[in-house]
Amino acid sequence: MILPSQIFLEKDQHRIWNKFWNSAEGGNYNSLTADESISIRHIYTELLKLNFSDYKDSGAFNLPIRLNDGTPLLNGYNRIVIGNHGAYIEFDAHNLLLPIQTKIGQEFREQETYKCKYHWKNPLVNGTPVDVKIYYQIEKVNYADYLVGMYYIDPYEIQHTPPTTNFDLL
């Protein structure tokens, strides 16, 4: 896998990357200026092209989208959202090929009194939760164009497969 430090074209990109992630570690996810946001999103786009041949070749991920063990997870998706935190695959509930549940220990996020931007879900394979984070967006954010009511998954959490015309969809 190609790392961000391998693609920084300018010293300023390295500074922006460090500024964002140092701020994020402290809980501040809105630390970038508009120009810095454009720069960091460009880095994420280049990383997608460099790390995933299916994305590089077509600007899309091959279907079905699978978990790393090969289990089909999604039969489609809406778009790829690139924000200040990275790239995420956006999909609807009808795209899911597996059931999902709230991550054990994260139930507090779904209480009305708890203020958060998303609910944390995990897919289930044969009734067992898989440690893959699926976000269910419940509020808008400033650092990405996430839509309320949509699901998101990090492309680094899925298996990338060559294209096929024989989708073994469940």
N, C-alpha and C. Protein backbone atom coordinates (compact mmCIF):
# COMPACT_ATOMS: atom_id res chain seq x y z
N MET A 1 0.84 -1.17 0.00
CA MET A 1 0.00 0.00 0.00
C MET A 1 0.88 1.23 0.00
N ILE A 2 0.51 2.19 -0.82
CA ILE A 2 1.24 3.44 -0.92
C ILE A 2 0.74 4.37 0.18
N LEU A 3 1.67 5.01 0.87
CA LEU A 3 1.34 5.88 1.99
C LEU A 3 1.33 7.34 1.56
N PRO A 4 0.62 8.20 2.30
CA PRO A 4 0.57 9.62 1.94
C PRO A 4 1.95 10.24 1.80
N SER A 5 2.88 9.89 2.68
CA SER A 5 4.20 10.50 2.63
C SER A 5 4.94 10.20 1.33
N GLN A 6 4.49 9.18 0.59
CA GLN A 6 5.12 8.82 -0.68
C GLN A 6 4.58 9.63 -1.85
N ILE A 7 3.53 10.41 -1.65
CA ILE A 7 2.96 11.14 -2.78
C ILE A 7 2.95 12.66 -2.58
N PHE A 8 3.41 13.15 -1.45
CA PHE A 8 3.41 14.59 -1.24
C PHE A 8 4.29 15.24 -2.31
N LEU A 9 3.68 16.10 -3.09
CA LEU A 9 4.42 16.76 -4.14
C LEU A 9 5.11 18.01 -3.63
N GLU A 10 4.56 18.59 -2.60
CA GLU A 10 5.09 19.83 -2.05
C GLU A 10 5.19 19.72 -0.54
N LYS A 11 6.11 20.48 0.02
CA LYS A 11 6.26 20.52 1.47
C LYS A 11 4.97 20.96 2.15
N ASP A 12 4.22 21.87 1.48
CA ASP A 12 2.99 22.38 2.05
C ASP A 12 1.95 21.27 2.22
N GLN A 13 1.90 20.30 1.29
CA GLN A 13 0.96 19.19 1.43
C GLN A 13 1.26 18.37 2.68
N HIS A 14 2.53 18.18 2.96
CA HIS A 14 2.93 17.45 4.16
C HIS A 14 2.51 18.22 5.41
N ARG A 15 2.68 19.54 5.38
CA ARG A 15 2.28 20.39 6.51
C ARG A 15 0.76 20.30 6.73
N ILE A 16 -0.01 20.35 5.66
CA ILE A 16 -1.48 20.29 5.76
C ILE A 16 -1.91 18.93 6.32
N TRP A 17 -1.30 17.87 5.80
CA TRP A 17 -1.62 16.51 6.28
C TRP A 17 -1.39 16.42 7.79
N ASN A 18 -0.22 16.86 8.24
CA ASN A 18 0.10 16.81 9.67
C ASN A 18 -0.82 17.71 10.48
N LYS A 19 -1.12 18.90 9.97
CA LYS A 19 -2.01 19.81 10.68
C LYS A 19 -3.37 19.15 10.91
N PHE A 20 -3.93 18.57 9.86
CA PHE A 20 -5.25 17.95 10.01
C PHE A 20 -5.22 16.82 11.01
N TRP A 21 -4.30 15.86 10.83
CA TRP A 21 -4.33 14.67 11.68
C TRP A 21 -3.91 14.97 13.11
N ASN A 22 -3.04 15.92 13.32
CA ASN A 22 -2.72 16.33 14.70
C ASN A 22 -3.93 16.97 15.36
N SER A 23 -4.67 17.79 14.62
CA SER A 23 -5.89 18.40 15.17
C SER A 23 -6.96 17.35 15.42
N ALA A 24 -7.11 16.40 14.49
CA ALA A 24 -8.13 15.35 14.62
C ALA A 24 -7.87 14.49 15.85
N GLU A 25 -6.61 14.20 16.12
CA GLU A 25 -6.29 13.41 17.31
C GLU A 25 -6.73 14.12 18.59
N GLY A 26 -6.77 15.45 18.54
CA GLY A 26 -7.23 16.23 19.68
C GLY A 26 -8.72 16.49 19.67
N GLY A 27 -9.43 15.92 18.68
CA GLY A 27 -10.88 16.07 18.62
C GLY A 27 -11.38 17.20 17.73
N ASN A 28 -10.47 17.95 17.10
CA ASN A 28 -10.87 19.05 16.22
C ASN A 28 -10.82 18.58 14.77
N TYR A 29 -11.99 18.34 14.18
CA TYR A 29 -12.05 17.84 12.81
C TYR A 29 -12.28 18.94 11.79
N ASN A 30 -12.37 20.16 12.22
CA ASN A 30 -12.64 21.29 11.32
C ASN A 30 -11.49 22.29 11.33
N SER A 31 -10.26 21.80 11.26
CA SER A 31 -9.10 22.66 11.44
C SER A 31 -8.54 23.23 10.14
N LEU A 32 -9.06 22.83 8.98
CA LEU A 32 -8.46 23.25 7.72
C LEU A 32 -9.18 24.44 7.10
N THR A 33 -8.39 25.28 6.43
CA THR A 33 -8.97 26.36 5.63
C THR A 33 -9.57 25.73 4.37
N ALA A 34 -10.30 26.51 3.60
CA ALA A 34 -10.90 26.00 2.36
C ALA A 34 -9.81 25.51 1.39
N ASP A 35 -8.72 26.25 1.25
CA ASP A 35 -7.63 25.83 0.35
C ASP A 35 -6.94 24.56 0.86
N GLU A 36 -6.75 24.47 2.18
CA GLU A 36 -6.14 23.27 2.74
C GLU A 36 -7.04 22.05 2.55
N SER A 37 -8.34 22.27 2.66
CA SER A 37 -9.30 21.18 2.44
C SER A 37 -9.20 20.65 1.02
N ILE A 38 -9.09 21.53 0.05
CA ILE A 38 -8.92 21.11 -1.35
C ILE A 38 -7.64 20.30 -1.51
N SER A 39 -6.57 20.75 -0.88
CA SER A 39 -5.28 20.06 -0.99
C SER A 39 -5.33 18.66 -0.39
N ILE A 40 -5.91 18.52 0.80
CA ILE A 40 -5.93 17.20 1.44
C ILE A 40 -6.85 16.24 0.68
N ARG A 41 -7.92 16.75 0.10
CA ARG A 41 -8.82 15.90 -0.70
C ARG A 41 -8.11 15.42 -1.97
N HIS A 42 -7.25 16.26 -2.52
CA HIS A 42 -6.45 15.85 -3.68
C HIS A 42 -5.52 14.69 -3.29
N ILE A 43 -4.94 14.77 -2.12
CA ILE A 43 -4.06 13.69 -1.65
C ILE A 43 -4.85 12.39 -1.55
N TYR A 44 -6.06 12.43 -0.97
CA TYR A 44 -6.88 11.21 -0.85
C TYR A 44 -7.26 10.65 -2.21
N THR A 45 -7.55 11.53 -3.16
CA THR A 45 -7.89 11.07 -4.51
C THR A 45 -6.70 10.36 -5.14
N GLU A 46 -5.52 10.92 -4.99
CA GLU A 46 -4.31 10.29 -5.56
C GLU A 46 -4.04 8.95 -4.88
N LEU A 47 -4.27 8.87 -3.58
CA LEU A 47 -4.07 7.60 -2.88
C LEU A 47 -5.02 6.52 -3.40
N LEU A 48 -6.26 6.89 -3.68
CA LEU A 48 -7.21 5.92 -4.25
C LEU A 48 -6.68 5.38 -5.57
N LYS A 49 -6.21 6.27 -6.42
CA LYS A 49 -5.71 5.86 -7.73
C LYS A 49 -4.48 4.96 -7.60
N LEU A 50 -3.63 5.27 -6.65
CA LEU A 50 -2.39 4.52 -6.49
C LEU A 50 -2.60 3.16 -5.81
N ASN A 51 -3.55 3.09 -4.88
CA ASN A 51 -3.73 1.87 -4.10
C ASN A 51 -4.74 0.89 -4.67
N PHE A 52 -5.66 1.35 -5.51
CA PHE A 52 -6.73 0.48 -5.98
C PHE A 52 -6.81 0.52 -7.49
N SER A 53 -6.36 -0.54 -8.13
CA SER A 53 -6.32 -0.55 -9.60
C SER A 53 -7.71 -0.45 -10.19
N ASP A 54 -8.74 -1.01 -9.55
CA ASP A 54 -10.09 -0.90 -10.10
C ASP A 54 -10.54 0.55 -10.13
N TYR A 55 -10.19 1.31 -9.10
CA TYR A 55 -10.56 2.73 -9.08
C TYR A 55 -9.73 3.52 -10.09
N LYS A 56 -8.44 3.21 -10.18
CA LYS A 56 -7.55 3.92 -11.09
C LYS A 56 -8.02 3.77 -12.53
N ASP A 57 -8.43 2.57 -12.90
CA ASP A 57 -8.79 2.29 -14.29
C ASP A 57 -10.11 2.92 -14.70
N SER A 58 -11.07 2.97 -13.78
CA SER A 58 -12.41 3.40 -14.18
C SER A 58 -12.99 4.53 -13.34
N GLY A 59 -12.35 4.88 -12.23
CA GLY A 59 -12.91 5.85 -11.32
C GLY A 59 -14.05 5.29 -10.49
N ALA A 60 -14.14 3.95 -10.47
CA ALA A 60 -15.20 3.28 -9.71
C ALA A 60 -14.63 1.99 -9.13
N PHE A 61 -15.36 1.42 -8.18
CA PHE A 61 -14.98 0.13 -7.61
C PHE A 61 -15.81 -0.96 -8.27
N ASN A 62 -15.19 -2.11 -8.49
CA ASN A 62 -15.88 -3.23 -9.10
C ASN A 62 -16.91 -3.81 -8.13
N LEU A 63 -17.96 -4.38 -8.70
CA LEU A 63 -19.04 -4.98 -7.92
C LEU A 63 -19.02 -6.49 -8.07
N PRO A 64 -19.48 -7.22 -7.10
CA PRO A 64 -19.94 -6.73 -5.81
C PRO A 64 -18.77 -6.27 -4.95
N ILE A 65 -19.03 -5.38 -4.02
CA ILE A 65 -18.02 -4.98 -3.04
C ILE A 65 -18.04 -6.03 -1.94
N ARG A 66 -16.85 -6.52 -1.60
CA ARG A 66 -16.73 -7.64 -0.68
C ARG A 66 -15.95 -7.27 0.57
N LEU A 67 -16.24 -8.00 1.64
CA LEU A 67 -15.40 -7.92 2.83
C LEU A 67 -14.05 -8.54 2.49
N ASN A 68 -13.06 -8.33 3.33
CA ASN A 68 -11.73 -8.86 3.04
C ASN A 68 -11.67 -10.39 2.98
N ASP A 69 -12.65 -11.08 3.59
CA ASP A 69 -12.67 -12.55 3.50
C ASP A 69 -13.37 -13.03 2.23
N GLY A 70 -13.82 -12.09 1.39
CA GLY A 70 -14.47 -12.43 0.14
C GLY A 70 -15.99 -12.44 0.19
N THR A 71 -16.58 -12.29 1.35
CA THR A 71 -18.04 -12.29 1.49
C THR A 71 -18.63 -11.05 0.82
N PRO A 72 -19.58 -11.21 -0.11
CA PRO A 72 -20.20 -10.03 -0.74
C PRO A 72 -20.91 -9.17 0.31
N LEU A 73 -20.66 -7.86 0.26
CA LEU A 73 -21.25 -6.91 1.20
C LEU A 73 -22.26 -5.99 0.52
N LEU A 74 -21.89 -5.46 -0.66
CA LEU A 74 -22.73 -4.49 -1.36
C LEU A 74 -22.91 -4.88 -2.82
N ASN A 75 -24.11 -4.68 -3.34
CA ASN A 75 -24.36 -4.95 -4.75
C ASN A 75 -24.29 -3.66 -5.58
N GLY A 76 -24.00 -2.55 -4.93
CA GLY A 76 -23.87 -1.28 -5.62
C GLY A 76 -23.60 -0.17 -4.62
N TYR A 77 -23.37 1.01 -5.14
CA TYR A 77 -23.17 2.18 -4.28
C TYR A 77 -23.54 3.42 -5.05
N ASN A 78 -23.73 4.53 -4.34
CA ASN A 78 -24.16 5.77 -4.96
C ASN A 78 -23.01 6.59 -5.52
N ARG A 79 -21.97 6.76 -4.70
CA ARG A 79 -20.84 7.60 -5.11
C ARG A 79 -19.69 7.39 -4.14
N ILE A 80 -18.56 7.97 -4.49
CA ILE A 80 -17.40 8.00 -3.61
C ILE A 80 -17.26 9.43 -3.12
N VAL A 81 -17.28 9.60 -1.81
CA VAL A 81 -17.19 10.92 -1.20
C VAL A 81 -15.77 11.10 -0.68
N ILE A 82 -15.12 12.16 -1.11
CA ILE A 82 -13.77 12.45 -0.63
C ILE A 82 -13.84 13.73 0.20
N GLY A 83 -13.61 13.57 1.50
CA GLY A 83 -13.64 14.69 2.42
C GLY A 83 -12.30 14.86 3.11
N ASN A 84 -12.28 15.68 4.14
CA ASN A 84 -11.03 15.93 4.85
C ASN A 84 -10.51 14.71 5.60
N HIS A 85 -11.35 13.73 5.87
CA HIS A 85 -10.93 12.53 6.62
C HIS A 85 -10.56 11.38 5.70
N GLY A 86 -10.78 11.52 4.41
CA GLY A 86 -10.45 10.45 3.48
C GLY A 86 -11.59 10.19 2.53
N ALA A 87 -11.47 9.08 1.82
CA ALA A 87 -12.48 8.67 0.85
C ALA A 87 -13.41 7.66 1.49
N TYR A 88 -14.70 7.77 1.17
CA TYR A 88 -15.69 6.82 1.68
C TYR A 88 -16.67 6.46 0.57
N ILE A 89 -17.09 5.22 0.58
CA ILE A 89 -18.07 4.72 -0.38
C ILE A 89 -19.45 4.93 0.24
N GLU A 90 -20.32 5.64 -0.48
CA GLU A 90 -21.67 5.93 0.00
C GLU A 90 -22.64 4.92 -0.60
N PHE A 91 -23.55 4.40 0.24
CA PHE A 91 -24.54 3.45 -0.26
C PHE A 91 -25.83 3.56 0.54
N ASP A 92 -26.89 2.99 -0.04
CA ASP A 92 -28.21 2.94 0.59
C ASP A 92 -28.38 1.59 1.28
N ALA A 93 -29.36 1.50 2.15
CA ALA A 93 -29.66 0.24 2.83
C ALA A 93 -29.99 -0.87 1.83
N HIS A 94 -30.64 -0.53 0.70
CA HIS A 94 -31.00 -1.57 -0.27
C HIS A 94 -29.79 -2.16 -0.99
N ASN A 95 -28.60 -1.51 -0.88
CA ASN A 95 -27.38 -2.06 -1.47
C ASN A 95 -26.73 -3.14 -0.61
N LEU A 96 -27.13 -3.23 0.65
CA LEU A 96 -26.52 -4.19 1.57
C LEU A 96 -26.93 -5.62 1.23
N LEU A 97 -25.95 -6.50 1.22
CA LEU A 97 -26.20 -7.93 1.00
C LEU A 97 -26.11 -8.71 2.30
N LEU A 98 -25.71 -8.03 3.38
CA LEU A 98 -25.61 -8.64 4.70
C LEU A 98 -26.39 -7.80 5.69
N PRO A 99 -26.88 -8.42 6.76
CA PRO A 99 -27.48 -7.60 7.82
C PRO A 99 -26.39 -6.81 8.54
N ILE A 100 -26.78 -5.71 9.17
CA ILE A 100 -25.85 -4.94 9.99
C ILE A 100 -26.49 -4.71 11.35
N GLN A 101 -25.63 -4.42 12.32
CA GLN A 101 -26.12 -4.10 13.66
C GLN A 101 -25.23 -3.03 14.25
N THR A 102 -25.72 -2.38 15.29
CA THR A 102 -24.92 -1.40 16.01
C THR A 102 -23.71 -2.12 16.62
N LYS A 103 -22.54 -1.51 16.47
CA LYS A 103 -21.33 -2.11 17.05
C LYS A 103 -21.51 -2.27 18.55
N ILE A 104 -21.16 -3.41 19.04
CA ILE A 104 -21.26 -3.67 20.48
C ILE A 104 -20.39 -2.65 21.22
N GLY A 105 -20.98 -2.00 22.21
CA GLY A 105 -20.30 -0.96 22.97
C GLY A 105 -20.54 0.44 22.43
N GLN A 106 -21.20 0.55 21.27
CA GLN A 106 -21.47 1.86 20.67
C GLN A 106 -22.96 2.20 20.69
N GLU A 107 -23.74 1.45 21.45
CA GLU A 107 -25.18 1.68 21.52
C GLU A 107 -25.52 3.09 22.04
N PHE A 108 -24.65 3.66 22.86
CA PHE A 108 -24.88 4.99 23.42
C PHE A 108 -25.07 6.04 22.34
N ARG A 109 -24.47 5.83 21.16
CA ARG A 109 -24.59 6.78 20.06
C ARG A 109 -26.03 6.93 19.58
N GLU A 110 -26.85 5.92 19.84
CA GLU A 110 -28.21 5.92 19.32
C GLU A 110 -29.24 6.42 20.34
N GLN A 111 -28.77 6.84 21.51
CA GLN A 111 -29.67 7.43 22.50
C GLN A 111 -29.95 8.87 22.12
N GLU A 112 -31.18 9.30 22.29
CA GLU A 112 -31.58 10.65 21.91
C GLU A 112 -30.78 11.73 22.62
N THR A 113 -30.33 11.44 23.83
CA THR A 113 -29.60 12.44 24.61
C THR A 113 -28.14 12.58 24.19
N TYR A 114 -27.63 11.63 23.39
CA TYR A 114 -26.23 11.69 22.96
C TYR A 114 -26.12 12.41 21.63
N LYS A 115 -25.27 13.42 21.57
CA LYS A 115 -25.07 14.21 20.36
C LYS A 115 -23.91 13.63 19.56
N CYS A 116 -24.22 13.14 18.36
CA CYS A 116 -23.16 12.62 17.48
C CYS A 116 -23.58 12.80 16.03
N LYS A 117 -22.64 12.56 15.13
CA LYS A 117 -22.87 12.77 13.70
C LYS A 117 -23.26 11.48 12.97
N TYR A 118 -22.91 10.33 13.55
CA TYR A 118 -23.20 9.06 12.88
C TYR A 118 -23.40 7.95 13.89
N HIS A 119 -24.05 6.88 13.43
CA HIS A 119 -24.15 5.65 14.22
C HIS A 119 -23.17 4.65 13.64
N TRP A 120 -22.51 3.91 14.52
CA TRP A 120 -21.48 2.97 14.13
C TRP A 120 -22.10 1.58 14.01
N LYS A 121 -21.98 1.00 12.81
CA LYS A 121 -22.56 -0.32 12.54
C LYS A 121 -21.47 -1.30 12.13
N ASN A 122 -21.78 -2.58 12.26
CA ASN A 122 -20.93 -3.67 11.76
C ASN A 122 -21.78 -4.63 10.95
N PRO A 123 -21.21 -5.18 9.86
CA PRO A 123 -21.93 -6.23 9.15
C PRO A 123 -21.89 -7.53 9.94
N LEU A 124 -22.89 -8.38 9.70
CA LEU A 124 -22.95 -9.70 10.34
C LEU A 124 -22.76 -10.78 9.28
N VAL A 125 -21.86 -11.70 9.56
CA VAL A 125 -21.67 -12.86 8.70
C VAL A 125 -22.02 -14.08 9.54
N ASN A 126 -23.04 -14.80 9.11
CA ASN A 126 -23.55 -15.95 9.87
C ASN A 126 -23.85 -15.58 11.32
N GLY A 127 -24.41 -14.38 11.52
CA GLY A 127 -24.81 -13.92 12.84
C GLY A 127 -23.69 -13.35 13.69
N THR A 128 -22.47 -13.33 13.16
CA THR A 128 -21.31 -12.85 13.92
C THR A 128 -20.88 -11.48 13.39
N PRO A 129 -20.72 -10.48 14.28
CA PRO A 129 -20.26 -9.17 13.81
C PRO A 129 -18.85 -9.24 13.24
N VAL A 130 -18.64 -8.53 12.14
CA VAL A 130 -17.32 -8.42 11.51
C VAL A 130 -16.78 -7.04 11.86
N ASP A 131 -15.50 -6.96 12.20
CA ASP A 131 -14.90 -5.70 12.64
C ASP A 131 -14.61 -4.79 11.44
N VAL A 132 -15.67 -4.35 10.78
CA VAL A 132 -15.61 -3.40 9.68
C VAL A 132 -16.58 -2.28 10.04
N LYS A 133 -16.08 -1.06 10.03
CA LYS A 133 -16.90 0.07 10.45
C LYS A 133 -17.74 0.58 9.30
N ILE A 134 -19.04 0.59 9.52
CA ILE A 134 -20.00 1.19 8.59
C ILE A 134 -20.63 2.36 9.34
N TYR A 135 -20.59 3.52 8.72
CA TYR A 135 -21.17 4.72 9.30
C TYR A 135 -22.59 4.89 8.77
N TYR A 136 -23.53 5.20 9.66
CA TYR A 136 -24.86 5.62 9.24
C TYR A 136 -24.97 7.09 9.62
N GLN A 137 -24.99 7.96 8.62
CA GLN A 137 -24.92 9.40 8.86
C GLN A 137 -26.24 9.94 9.38
N ILE A 138 -26.19 10.66 10.52
CA ILE A 138 -27.41 11.21 11.09
C ILE A 138 -27.40 12.74 11.16
N GLU A 139 -26.24 13.35 10.90
CA GLU A 139 -26.15 14.82 10.86
C GLU A 139 -25.16 15.24 9.79
N LYS A 140 -25.36 16.43 9.25
CA LYS A 140 -24.40 16.98 8.28
C LYS A 140 -23.13 17.37 9.02
N VAL A 141 -22.02 17.38 8.27
CA VAL A 141 -20.73 17.79 8.81
C VAL A 141 -20.10 18.81 7.86
N ASN A 142 -19.13 19.56 8.35
CA ASN A 142 -18.45 20.56 7.52
C ASN A 142 -17.29 19.99 6.72
N TYR A 143 -16.78 18.85 7.12
CA TYR A 143 -15.54 18.33 6.53
C TYR A 143 -15.75 17.33 5.40
N ALA A 144 -16.99 17.07 5.01
CA ALA A 144 -17.28 16.18 3.89
C ALA A 144 -18.73 16.35 3.47
N ASP A 145 -19.05 15.94 2.27
CA ASP A 145 -20.40 16.05 1.74
C ASP A 145 -21.19 14.77 2.01
N TYR A 146 -21.19 14.33 3.27
CA TYR A 146 -21.99 13.17 3.65
C TYR A 146 -23.46 13.56 3.70
N LEU A 147 -24.32 12.65 3.28
CA LEU A 147 -25.76 12.91 3.29
C LEU A 147 -26.42 12.18 4.45
N VAL A 148 -27.28 12.88 5.15
CA VAL A 148 -28.03 12.27 6.26
C VAL A 148 -28.88 11.13 5.69
N GLY A 149 -28.84 9.98 6.39
CA GLY A 149 -29.62 8.82 5.97
C GLY A 149 -28.87 7.86 5.07
N MET A 150 -27.64 8.19 4.73
CA MET A 150 -26.81 7.31 3.89
C MET A 150 -25.81 6.54 4.76
N TYR A 151 -25.30 5.47 4.21
CA TYR A 151 -24.27 4.66 4.86
C TYR A 151 -22.94 4.91 4.15
N TYR A 152 -21.84 4.74 4.92
CA TYR A 152 -20.50 4.96 4.38
C TYR A 152 -19.55 3.90 4.90
N ILE A 153 -18.62 3.50 4.02
CA ILE A 153 -17.58 2.56 4.41
C ILE A 153 -16.26 3.02 3.78
N ASP A 154 -15.19 2.84 4.50
CA ASP A 154 -13.84 3.19 4.05
C ASP A 154 -13.40 2.15 3.02
N PRO A 155 -12.94 2.57 1.83
CA PRO A 155 -12.51 1.59 0.83
C PRO A 155 -11.32 0.74 1.25
N TYR A 156 -10.59 1.18 2.27
CA TYR A 156 -9.46 0.39 2.76
C TYR A 156 -9.93 -0.79 3.62
N GLU A 157 -11.22 -0.83 3.93
CA GLU A 157 -11.77 -1.92 4.75
C GLU A 157 -12.41 -3.02 3.91
N ILE A 158 -12.32 -2.90 2.59
CA ILE A 158 -12.95 -3.90 1.73
C ILE A 158 -11.93 -4.53 0.80
N GLN A 159 -12.34 -5.65 0.22
CA GLN A 159 -11.49 -6.36 -0.74
C GLN A 159 -11.72 -5.76 -2.13
N HIS A 160 -10.65 -5.63 -2.87
CA HIS A 160 -10.77 -5.13 -4.24
C HIS A 160 -10.51 -6.28 -5.19
N THR A 161 -11.47 -6.50 -6.05
CA THR A 161 -11.43 -7.66 -6.93
C THR A 161 -11.44 -7.22 -8.38
N PRO A 162 -10.93 -8.08 -9.27
CA PRO A 162 -11.00 -7.75 -10.69
C PRO A 162 -12.45 -7.75 -11.15
N PRO A 163 -12.74 -7.05 -12.23
CA PRO A 163 -14.14 -7.00 -12.69
C PRO A 163 -14.65 -8.38 -13.10
N THR A 164 -15.92 -8.56 -12.94
CA THR A 164 -16.55 -9.82 -13.34
C THR A 164 -17.94 -9.52 -13.89
N THR A 165 -18.42 -10.37 -14.76
CA THR A 165 -19.79 -10.21 -15.23
C THR A 165 -20.70 -11.22 -14.54
N ASN A 166 -20.12 -12.08 -13.73
CA ASN A 166 -20.88 -13.11 -13.04
C ASN A 166 -20.98 -12.74 -11.58
N PHE A 167 -21.83 -11.76 -11.24
CA PHE A 167 -21.97 -11.32 -9.87
C PHE A 167 -22.68 -12.41 -9.07
N ASP A 168 -22.03 -12.89 -8.03
CA ASP A 168 -22.66 -13.91 -7.19
C ASP A 168 -23.40 -13.24 -6.04
N LEU A 169 -24.38 -12.43 -6.41
CA LEU A 169 -25.13 -11.68 -5.42
C LEU A 169 -26.08 -12.61 -4.69
N LEU A 170 -26.21 -12.40 -3.40
CA LEU A 170 -27.07 -13.26 -2.58
C LEU A 170 -28.53 -13.05 -2.90
